[in-house]
C-alpha atoms as a PDB file:
ATOM      1  CA  UNK A   1      83.377 -98.136 -14.554  1.00  0.00           C
ATOM      2  CA  UNK A   2      79.191 -97.777 -15.141  1.00  0.00           C
ATOM      3  CA  UNK A   3      78.124 -94.428 -16.110  1.00  0.00           C
ATOM      4  CA  UNK A   4      75.935 -94.092 -12.776  1.00  0.00           C
ATOM      5  CA  UNK A   5      79.218 -93.756 -11.050  1.00  0.00           C
ATOM      6  CA  UNK A   6      81.186 -91.622 -12.030  1.00  0.00           C
ATOM      7  CA  UNK A   7      78.938 -89.624 -12.361  1.00  0.00           C
ATOM      8  CA  UNK A   8      78.361 -89.968  -8.656  1.00  0.00           C
ATOM      9  CA  UNK A   9      81.669 -89.179  -7.789  1.00  0.00           C
ATOM     10  CA  UNK A  10      81.755 -86.679  -9.664  1.00  0.00           C
ATOM     11  CA  UNK A  11      79.437 -84.434  -7.940  1.00  0.00           C
ATOM     12  CA  UNK A  12      80.434 -86.238  -4.650  1.00  0.00           C
ATOM     13  CA  UNK A  13      83.867 -85.283  -5.474  1.00  0.00           C
ATOM     14  CA  UNK A  14      82.742 -81.109  -6.064  1.00  0.00           C
ATOM     15  CA  UNK A  15      80.187 -81.143  -3.581  1.00  0.00           C
ATOM     16  CA  UNK A  16      83.459 -82.526  -0.950  1.00  0.00           C
ATOM     17  CA  UNK A  17      85.516 -80.007  -2.842  1.00  0.00           C
ATOM     18  CA  UNK A  18      83.317 -76.788  -2.368  1.00  0.00           C
ATOM     19  CA  UNK A  19      82.614 -78.127   1.706  1.00  0.00           C
ATOM     20  CA  UNK A  20      86.878 -78.137   2.458  1.00  0.00           C
ATOM     21  CA  UNK A  21      86.936 -74.882   0.725  1.00  0.00           C
ATOM     22  CA  UNK A  22      84.590 -72.784   2.354  1.00  0.00           C
ATOM     23  CA  UNK A  23      84.862 -74.499   5.227  1.00  0.00           C
ATOM     24  CA  UNK A  24      88.600 -73.076   5.078  1.00  0.00           C
ATOM     25  CA  UNK A  25      88.335 -69.934   3.910  1.00  0.00           C
ATOM     26  CA  UNK A  26      85.132 -69.405   6.390  1.00  0.00           C
ATOM     27  CA  UNK A  27      86.083 -68.316  10.029  1.00  0.00           C
ATOM     28  CA  UNK A  28      84.640 -70.719  13.102  1.00  0.00           C
ATOM     29  CA  UNK A  29      84.504 -68.542  16.356  1.00  0.00           C
ATOM     30  CA  UNK A  30      85.147 -64.937  16.876  1.00  0.00           C
ATOM     31  CA  UNK A  31      84.845 -62.415  19.649  1.00  0.00           C
ATOM     32  CA  UNK A  32      84.706 -59.108  19.629  1.00  0.00           C
ATOM     33  CA  UNK A  33      84.807 -56.242  22.306  1.00  0.00           C
ATOM     34  CA  UNK A  34      85.046 -53.350  21.337  1.00  0.00           C
ATOM     35  CA  UNK A  35      87.737 -52.719  18.147  1.00  0.00           C
ATOM     36  CA  UNK A  36      89.281 -55.458  18.732  1.00  0.00           C
ATOM     37  CA  UNK A  37      87.722 -59.005  16.744  1.00  0.00           C
ATOM     38  CA  UNK A  38      89.127 -62.356  17.355  1.00  0.00           C
ATOM     39  CA  UNK A  39      88.510 -64.901  15.302  1.00  0.00           C
ATOM     40  CA  UNK A  40      90.111 -68.375  15.657  1.00  0.00           C
ATOM     41  CA  UNK A  41      89.704 -71.341  13.523  1.00  0.00           C
ATOM     42  CA  UNK A  42      91.213 -75.192  12.802  1.00  0.00           C
ATOM     43  CA  UNK A  43      91.103 -76.014   9.055  1.00  0.00           C
ATOM     44  CA  UNK A  44      92.233 -79.224  10.154  1.00  0.00           C
ATOM     45  CA  UNK A  45      89.382 -81.153   8.704  1.00  0.00           C
ATOM     46  CA  UNK A  46      89.255 -78.888   5.150  1.00  0.00           C
ATOM     47  CA  UNK A  47      92.271 -80.282   4.056  1.00  0.00           C
ATOM     48  CA  UNK A  48      91.227 -84.128   4.254  1.00  0.00           C
ATOM     49  CA  UNK A  49      88.006 -83.504   3.003  1.00  0.00           C
ATOM     50  CA  UNK A  50      89.516 -80.856   0.115  1.00  0.00           C
ATOM     51  CA  UNK A  51      92.093 -83.921  -0.220  1.00  0.00           C
ATOM     52  CA  UNK A  52      88.730 -86.927  -0.456  1.00  0.00           C
ATOM     53  CA  UNK A  53      87.371 -84.657  -2.948  1.00  0.00           C
ATOM     54  CA  UNK A  54      90.063 -84.580  -5.820  1.00  0.00           C
ATOM     55  CA  UNK A  55      90.326 -88.787  -4.723  1.00  0.00           C
ATOM     56  CA  UNK A  56      87.020 -89.112  -6.173  1.00  0.00           C
ATOM     57  CA  UNK A  57      87.095 -86.583  -9.077  1.00  0.00           C
ATOM     58  CA  UNK A  58      90.222 -88.223  -9.829  1.00  0.00           C
ATOM     59  CA  UNK A  59      88.977 -91.530  -9.531  1.00  0.00           C
ATOM     60  CA  UNK A  60      85.772 -90.486 -11.853  1.00  0.00           C
ATOM     61  CA  UNK A  61      88.433 -89.049 -15.027  1.00  0.00           C
ATOM     62  CA  UNK A  62      90.866 -91.691 -14.441  1.00  0.00           C
ATOM     63  CA  UNK A  63      88.275 -94.705 -14.249  1.00  0.00           C
ATOM     64  CA  UNK A  64      88.586 -97.007 -16.964  1.00  0.00           C
ATOM     65  CA  UNK A  65      86.211 -99.265 -18.864  1.00  0.00           C
ATOM     66  CA  UNK A  66      87.269-102.729 -18.010  1.00  0.00           C
ATOM     67  CA  UNK A  67      86.615-106.011 -19.650  1.00  0.00           C
END
């Protein structure tokens, strides 16, 4: 595999991982009424993003040279 492709896959994998972890941690919506605070999250897309990031990183590290 070309070094340029490996670098692009590595950068894309890191960005996808960071984005997936951020969307998993950050709440999407919150409502506060007096002392009561309610936060809602939907983490279904963050798992897919983290999985794609891991696959991209694995492909960048394990991609060997073809003869």
